[in-house]
Structure formats: C-alpha cells, structure tokens
C-alpha cells in the first residue's frame, strides 16, 4: 500500500447519470410499487462527491445547476449511503460530503442515485473498508432502485424495481442531446398519473413492449443508433406528458432539428434526443440552445461510480 493511499483523508468519487432507453412499467402491486423492466444507459453527465473524516454526518451541495431544493440532512441519499458504509465497516466516526451536481434535479436521470453510488465507493475507500462489489451492491439496493446501476454503469437491463441488473453488451458509442427544465417532475406524481391513465381510456398508451426491449438490446449490441432510435420506449412518457404537455412540443422540435428520436428520460422532465454521431449530437444541442432550450451533448455508455483522486 502506498503512503498516499495509506494516509489519504479526502477521497473524490464520480458517478454518471442515466437514460432509460427502454422502460416497461407493470400494473401497481398491492405494496404500491410497480414491476419494471428497463434498459439503462450510463451517460457522460456526472455527479462528483468528495468525502472526508468528520465527527458526524454532513453535506455541502454545489452545482452547475440549481441545487436550492437539494437537502443536506439525513434525507439526502448520499448522506444515507455514507452512513450505511460507516455502519457496515464498524467505524466509530462520521463523514462530511462535498457534492457537486450536474445531473438535473428531479429530472428523471438518477442524479440523487449517482450521488449515493459515488458516496458508497468514496466512503468505502476513505475507511479502507474493503466491502467489495457484492456488498456495495446490496447497500445500493437498500437506498433506491437506480443506485445499483449508478454503481455499475455501462448498459444493463434492470428488473423488479429496476435494481436487479444484468449487464447489456454495447457495440459502440451513442451520442445524445439532453434538454433539461428548471421545473422538475415528482416521480411519485408521475407514477400516480400513470396509474390513472392505465385505469382509464388511455390504457393502451401505457402498455408494455417486451419485443421493444429485445430490439433495444439488439441495437445496443450492434452499436446502431438508427436501430436504437426505432426501438426506444418509455411507458411513463404518456404520464409525464400529461402532467407537462409543454414537453411534447419540445420533443417534436428536437426531431425536426435532426434528432433520430426523442424520449422522456425516466419520469422526466429531462428529454433525451438520440443523434447519429458525436458531430450530429453537438450540432443538435447547439441548435436547441439557439431555440432557447437548456441543452447539452452527452455520450454513453460510460463507467459507473469510481474513484477520481485521493488527497492526504
């Protein structure tokens, strides 16, 4: 073990946001949850977490985005993640977290889950806990459905609540233009609207598409953005658009500006526009910015939560 590793007292970790390139949602169960089948793609929009020793548990939030509503107490998912690792390691101290956010808050891209995943690996490293991937995955699953994927990254199929993961093969890079919105969408509210639509006259719009999942996986494996564009699907999209009809016009605008396809990411309101390649995605993002949207280029798949640096 190097001296730098042995005496590091600050650890910086990073984890990616995600796009649900396919999301099938089953009916609501007796426990209030829905069975999901989702194909996740980790993309190059990252959350950074720096952890250091402390007497208790605390967090400071900064960001390239508006972070005014992000909690810094025990309701913060990253703080909960840090506490879980400390308890699992049998450590008698605390941890302070400096969290820098880039993934839109309440945007359907799993930003809070990425914070938690980064905190898991950072605190494990800080304490030399050596918990290992299986134990960290179990802790991630306790924190939320998207946390295990943020931990692992790449591309994967998630079932159950989305936390039972099977890696998916990818044959190349996929480039996207993301459009975020200052007004987030509540995930529980979107699921309530999903249930309302499914029980009413719009049930067909909220159906499942197992064949679509297969087509998505084939397109990812082939590295074919045009095939992926023909297969992307989000069962929550009708509910998100019902709550935010303005998003529908932006989806149309993105396709008219050259996107191969546009989709609501997760529960929204972030919109993901697939492009034919990097230059196309950059041009599309610039065009959307010119039209007044908050847009940026990202690509995937990228690695999951990982250590960036250590400082003594």
Protein backbone atom coordinates (compact mmCIF):
# COMPACT_ATOMS: atom_id res chain seq x y z
CA UNK A 1 0.00 0.00 0.00
CA UNK A 2 1.44 3.39 -0.98
CA UNK A 3 1.85 6.16 1.57
CA UNK A 4 -0.60 8.29 -0.46
CA UNK A 5 -3.17 5.53 -0.24
CA UNK A 6 -2.49 4.82 3.43
CA UNK A 7 -2.83 8.41 4.62
CA UNK A 8 -5.48 9.79 2.27
CA UNK A 9 -8.06 11.75 4.24
CA UNK A 10 -10.11 13.06 1.30
CA UNK A 11 -11.45 10.84 -1.46
CA UNK A 12 -13.09 12.12 -4.65
CA UNK A 13 -15.51 9.81 -6.48
CA UNK A 14 -17.66 10.32 -9.56
CA UNK A 15 -20.81 8.59 -10.85
CA UNK A 16 -22.90 9.07 -14.00
CA UNK A 17 -26.48 9.94 -14.69
CA UNK A 18 -28.54 7.59 -16.82
CA UNK A 19 -31.04 7.44 -19.65
CA UNK A 20 -33.76 4.79 -19.69
CA UNK A 21 -33.61 3.81 -23.35
CA UNK A 22 -36.46 1.39 -22.68
CA UNK A 23 -38.83 1.37 -19.71
CA UNK A 24 -41.74 -1.06 -19.36
CA UNK A 25 -43.97 -0.47 -16.33
CA UNK A 26 -46.27 -3.14 -14.94
CA UNK A 27 -49.52 -2.55 -13.05
CA UNK A 28 -49.36 -1.25 -9.49
CA UNK A 29 -48.97 -4.06 -6.97
CA UNK A 30 -50.52 -4.36 -3.52
CA UNK A 31 -47.42 -2.81 -1.95
CA UNK A 32 -47.83 0.28 -4.14
CA UNK A 33 -44.80 -0.43 -6.32
CA UNK A 34 -44.67 -1.41 -9.99
CA UNK A 35 -42.63 -4.15 -11.58
CA UNK A 36 -40.24 -2.63 -14.10
CA UNK A 37 -38.18 -3.84 -17.00
CA UNK A 38 -35.74 -1.14 -18.03
CA UNK A 39 -32.68 -0.86 -20.23
CA UNK A 40 -30.32 1.67 -18.67
CA UNK A 41 -27.51 3.56 -20.39
CA UNK A 42 -24.98 5.49 -18.26
CA UNK A 43 -24.03 8.80 -19.88
CA UNK A 44 -21.29 11.38 -19.50
CA UNK A 45 -23.11 13.77 -17.19
CA UNK A 46 -21.51 13.24 -13.81
CA UNK A 47 -22.02 13.87 -10.12
CA UNK A 48 -18.88 14.43 -8.02
CA UNK A 49 -18.64 13.57 -4.32
CA UNK A 50 -15.64 14.32 -2.11
CA UNK A 51 -15.70 12.71 1.32
CA UNK A 52 -13.59 13.45 4.38
CA UNK A 53 -13.47 12.41 8.01
CA UNK A 54 -15.79 14.19 10.44
CA UNK A 55 -17.30 13.71 13.89
CA UNK A 56 -20.79 13.44 12.42
CA UNK A 57 -22.56 13.33 9.07
CA UNK A 58 -22.96 16.47 6.99
CA UNK A 59 -23.11 17.61 3.39
CA UNK A 60 -22.46 20.71 1.31
CA UNK A 61 -24.14 20.95 -2.10
CA UNK A 62 -22.84 22.95 -5.07
CA UNK A 63 -23.56 22.54 -8.75
CA UNK A 64 -23.62 23.68 -12.34
CA UNK A 65 -27.41 23.52 -11.95
CA UNK A 66 -29.91 24.93 -9.45
CA UNK A 67 -29.42 22.96 -6.23
CA UNK A 68 -31.61 25.10 -3.96
CA UNK A 69 -34.03 22.28 -3.19
CA UNK A 70 -31.47 19.54 -2.56
CA UNK A 71 -31.48 18.51 1.14
CA UNK A 72 -28.28 18.37 3.18
CA UNK A 73 -29.68 16.40 6.11
CA UNK A 74 -30.33 12.67 6.62
CA UNK A 75 -32.93 12.69 3.84
CA UNK A 76 -30.11 13.19 1.31
CA UNK A 77 -29.48 9.87 -0.39
CA UNK A 78 -25.69 10.34 -0.41
CA UNK A 79 -25.65 11.05 3.33
CA UNK A 80 -27.66 7.88 3.87
CA UNK A 81 -25.19 5.98 1.69
CA UNK A 82 -22.24 7.27 3.72
CA UNK A 83 -23.93 6.23 6.96
CA UNK A 84 -24.59 2.72 5.61
CA UNK A 85 -20.93 2.21 4.71
CA UNK A 86 -19.76 3.55 8.08
CA UNK A 87 -22.13 1.17 9.87
CA UNK A 88 -21.12 -1.76 7.67
CA UNK A 89 -17.43 -1.03 8.29
CA UNK A 90 -17.90 -0.71 12.05
CA UNK A 91 -16.33 2.76 12.03
CA UNK A 92 -16.97 4.99 15.04
CA UNK A 93 -16.64 8.35 13.28
CA UNK A 94 -18.60 10.29 10.71
CA UNK A 95 -18.16 11.66 7.20
CA UNK A 96 -18.55 15.04 5.55
CA UNK A 97 -19.61 15.09 1.89
CA UNK A 98 -18.98 17.83 -0.67
CA UNK A 99 -21.38 17.11 -3.54
CA UNK A 100 -21.14 18.87 -6.88
CA UNK A 101 -24.17 18.26 -9.10
CA UNK A 102 -24.52 18.37 -12.88
CA UNK A 103 -27.40 15.93 -13.43
CA UNK A 104 -30.76 17.79 -13.40
CA UNK A 105 -32.55 17.63 -10.04
CA UNK A 106 -35.85 15.71 -10.24
CA UNK A 107 -35.08 15.30 -13.93
CA UNK A 108 -35.50 11.56 -14.48
CA UNK A 109 -31.77 10.89 -14.86
CA UNK A 110 -30.97 9.47 -11.43
CA UNK A 111 -28.82 12.33 -10.13
CA UNK A 112 -29.52 11.58 -6.47
CA UNK A 113 -28.81 7.91 -7.12
CA UNK A 114 -25.49 8.84 -8.71
CA UNK A 115 -24.62 10.89 -5.61
CA UNK A 116 -25.37 7.85 -3.45
CA UNK A 117 -23.32 5.50 -5.63
CA UNK A 118 -20.35 7.86 -5.59
CA UNK A 119 -20.66 8.18 -1.82
CA UNK A 120 -20.67 4.39 -1.40
CA UNK A 121 -17.37 3.88 -3.23
CA UNK A 122 -15.76 7.02 -1.78
CA UNK A 123 -16.53 6.21 1.84
CA UNK A 124 -15.54 2.59 1.36
CA UNK A 125 -12.19 3.83 0.04
CA UNK A 126 -11.77 6.51 2.72
CA UNK A 127 -12.24 3.98 5.52
CA UNK A 128 -10.26 1.20 3.79
CA UNK A 129 -13.39 -0.86 4.45
CA UNK A 130 -12.84 -3.21 1.51
CA UNK A 131 -16.54 -4.08 1.32
CA UNK A 132 -16.26 -5.35 -2.25
CA UNK A 133 -18.69 -5.11 -5.16
CA UNK A 134 -21.35 -7.59 -3.90
CA UNK A 135 -21.75 -5.89 -0.51
CA UNK A 136 -21.75 -2.42 -2.04
CA UNK A 137 -24.44 -3.58 -4.48
CA UNK A 138 -26.59 -4.80 -1.58
CA UNK A 139 -26.21 -1.45 0.17
CA UNK A 140 -27.05 0.34 -3.10
CA UNK A 141 -30.26 -1.69 -3.47
CA UNK A 142 -31.32 -0.63 0.04
CA UNK A 143 -31.01 3.02 -0.97
CA UNK A 144 -33.10 3.04 -4.15
CA UNK A 145 -33.88 1.34 -7.42
CA UNK A 146 -31.44 3.40 -9.56
CA UNK A 147 -28.46 3.32 -7.17
CA UNK A 148 -27.15 -0.13 -8.18
CA UNK A 149 -26.99 0.92 -11.83
CA UNK A 150 -25.18 4.17 -11.00
CA UNK A 151 -22.70 2.00 -9.11
CA UNK A 152 -22.07 -0.31 -12.09
CA UNK A 153 -22.62 1.97 -15.10
CA UNK A 154 -22.31 0.87 -18.72
CA UNK A 155 -25.57 -0.55 -20.03
CA UNK A 156 -27.81 -3.01 -18.23
CA UNK A 157 -31.27 -4.50 -18.02
CA UNK A 158 -32.97 -3.82 -14.69
CA UNK A 159 -36.00 -5.80 -13.49
CA UNK A 160 -38.11 -5.83 -10.34
CA UNK A 161 -37.86 -2.28 -9.04
CA UNK A 162 -35.06 -1.83 -11.57
CA UNK A 163 -32.31 -2.84 -9.13
CA UNK A 164 -31.84 -6.46 -10.30
CA UNK A 165 -29.28 -5.90 -13.02
CA UNK A 166 -27.95 -7.90 -15.94
CA UNK A 167 -25.17 -6.22 -17.96
CA UNK A 168 -26.03 -5.48 -21.60
CA UNK A 169 -23.49 -5.63 -24.41
CA UNK A 170 -22.84 -2.48 -26.40
CA UNK A 171 -21.08 -2.39 -29.74
CA UNK A 172 -20.25 1.29 -29.84
CA UNK A 173 -20.88 4.78 -28.55
CA UNK A 174 -24.25 6.53 -28.62
CA UNK A 175 -24.45 10.33 -28.68
CA UNK A 176 -27.35 12.34 -27.31
CA UNK A 177 -28.53 15.91 -26.83
CA UNK A 178 -30.23 16.39 -23.47
CA UNK A 179 -32.76 19.13 -22.78
CA UNK A 180 -33.34 19.86 -19.10
CA UNK A 181 -36.00 22.03 -17.48
CA UNK A 182 -35.87 24.18 -14.35
CA UNK A 183 -39.17 22.78 -13.09
CA UNK A 184 -38.68 19.14 -12.09
CA UNK A 185 -41.25 16.36 -12.06
CA UNK A 186 -42.05 14.33 -8.96
CA UNK A 187 -41.52 10.63 -9.64
CA UNK A 188 -44.41 9.59 -7.33
CA UNK A 189 -46.68 12.08 -9.10
CA UNK A 190 -45.75 10.62 -12.50
CA UNK A 191 -46.50 7.09 -11.27
CA UNK A 192 -49.86 8.24 -9.88
CA UNK A 193 -50.69 9.73 -13.26
CA UNK A 194 -49.52 6.52 -14.93
CA UNK A 195 -51.96 4.53 -12.77
CA UNK A 196 -54.77 6.97 -13.54
CA UNK A 197 -54.17 6.74 -17.29
CA UNK A 198 -53.82 2.98 -17.21
CA UNK A 199 -57.11 2.57 -15.40
CA UNK A 200 -58.88 4.92 -17.80
CA UNK A 201 -59.27 5.35 -21.54
CA UNK A 202 -55.51 5.77 -22.15
CA UNK A 203 -54.51 2.28 -21.02
CA UNK A 204 -53.07 1.34 -24.42
CA UNK A 205 -50.61 4.24 -24.33
CA UNK A 206 -49.13 2.88 -21.10
CA UNK A 207 -48.70 -0.69 -22.30
CA UNK A 208 -45.69 -2.97 -22.15
CA UNK A 209 -43.41 -3.79 -25.06
CA UNK A 210 -41.25 -6.82 -24.39
CA UNK A 211 -40.45 -7.02 -28.10
CA UNK A 212 -39.22 -3.42 -27.89
CA UNK A 213 -36.79 -4.35 -25.12
CA UNK A 214 -35.31 -7.04 -27.36
CA UNK A 215 -34.94 -4.57 -30.23
CA UNK A 216 -33.22 -2.07 -27.92
CA UNK A 217 -30.72 -4.69 -26.74
CA UNK A 218 -30.01 -5.76 -30.32
CA UNK A 219 -29.43 -2.14 -31.36
CA UNK A 220 -27.08 -1.53 -28.42
CA UNK A 221 -25.13 -4.68 -29.20
CA UNK A 222 -24.83 -3.67 -32.87
CA UNK A 223 -23.80 -0.10 -32.00
CA UNK A 224 -26.53 1.11 -34.38
CA UNK A 225 -28.11 4.45 -33.40
CA UNK A 226 -30.75 4.29 -36.14
CA UNK A 227 -31.93 0.88 -34.96
CA UNK A 228 -31.95 2.17 -31.38
CA UNK A 229 -33.96 5.21 -32.44
CA UNK A 230 -36.65 2.92 -33.86
CA UNK A 231 -36.85 0.93 -30.61
CA UNK A 232 -36.63 3.40 -27.68
CA UNK A 233 -39.70 3.29 -25.46
CA UNK A 234 -40.80 4.81 -22.16
CA UNK A 235 -44.00 3.55 -20.56
CA UNK A 236 -44.01 6.58 -18.24
CA UNK A 237 -43.85 9.06 -21.11
CA UNK A 238 -47.64 9.45 -21.55
CA UNK A 239 -47.96 10.23 -17.83
CA UNK A 240 -45.09 12.72 -17.89
CA UNK A 241 -46.55 14.46 -20.95
CA UNK A 242 -49.98 14.50 -19.33
CA UNK A 243 -48.55 16.42 -16.38
CA UNK A 244 -46.28 18.57 -18.57
CA UNK A 245 -47.87 18.99 -22.03
CA UNK A 246 -45.20 21.55 -22.96
CA UNK A 247 -42.65 18.75 -23.22
CA UNK A 248 -44.45 17.30 -26.24
CA UNK A 249 -43.70 20.38 -28.34
CA UNK A 250 -40.01 20.17 -27.41
CA UNK A 251 -39.91 16.50 -28.46
CA UNK A 252 -41.31 17.46 -31.86
CA UNK A 253 -38.88 20.38 -32.14
CA UNK A 254 -35.86 18.16 -31.42
CA UNK A 255 -36.78 15.66 -34.11
CA UNK A 256 -37.42 18.45 -36.60
CA UNK A 257 -33.92 19.75 -35.81
CA UNK A 258 -32.33 16.44 -36.74
CA UNK A 259 -32.68 14.02 -33.84
CA UNK A 260 -33.18 10.39 -34.82
CA UNK A 261 -35.60 10.06 -31.89
CA UNK A 262 -36.63 11.90 -28.76
CA UNK A 263 -37.77 10.39 -25.48
CA UNK A 264 -38.60 11.45 -21.94
CA UNK A 265 -35.84 10.16 -19.66
CA UNK A 266 -37.34 8.09 -16.85
CA UNK A 267 -40.06 10.03 -15.08
CA UNK A 268 -38.91 13.27 -16.75
CA UNK A 269 -38.87 16.12 -17.42
CA UNK A 270 -35.40 15.76 -19.00
CA UNK A 271 -35.68 14.92 -22.70
CA UNK A 272 -33.08 12.77 -24.46
CA UNK A 273 -32.56 13.15 -28.22
CA UNK A 274 -30.55 10.45 -29.96
CA UNK A 275 -28.25 11.55 -32.78
CA UNK A 276 -26.38 9.72 -35.48
CA UNK A 277 -22.95 10.52 -34.03
CA UNK A 278 -20.91 12.98 -31.98
CA UNK A 279 -20.88 15.83 -34.50
CA UNK A 280 -24.63 15.44 -35.10
CA UNK A 281 -25.33 15.50 -31.36
CA UNK A 282 -23.19 18.60 -30.80
CA UNK A 283 -24.90 20.38 -33.68
CA UNK A 284 -28.31 19.36 -32.40
CA UNK A 285 -27.52 20.59 -28.87
CA UNK A 286 -26.32 23.92 -30.28
CA UNK A 287 -29.48 24.25 -32.38
CA UNK A 288 -31.66 23.54 -29.35
CA UNK A 289 -29.76 26.15 -27.31
CA UNK A 290 -30.37 28.67 -30.11
CA UNK A 291 -34.07 27.84 -29.84
CA UNK A 292 -33.99 28.76 -26.15
CA UNK A 293 -33.61 25.34 -24.55
CA UNK A 294 -31.09 24.27 -21.91
CA UNK A 295 -29.32 21.61 -23.96
CA UNK A 296 -26.01 19.74 -23.80
CA UNK A 297 -24.26 16.88 -25.56
CA UNK A 298 -23.55 13.60 -23.72
CA UNK A 299 -22.49 10.13 -24.76
CA UNK A 300 -22.71 6.62 -23.41
CA UNK A 301 -22.08 4.04 -22.23
CA UNK A 302 -19.64 5.25 -19.57
CA UNK A 303 -18.24 3.66 -16.43
CA UNK A 304 -20.16 3.63 -13.15
CA UNK A 305 -19.08 5.04 -9.79
CA UNK A 306 -15.30 5.22 -9.48
CA UNK A 307 -12.51 6.91 -7.56
CA UNK A 308 -11.08 10.02 -9.23
CA UNK A 309 -8.41 11.03 -6.71
CA UNK A 310 -7.18 10.81 -3.13
CA UNK A 311 -5.56 13.57 -1.09
CA UNK A 312 -3.63 13.36 2.16
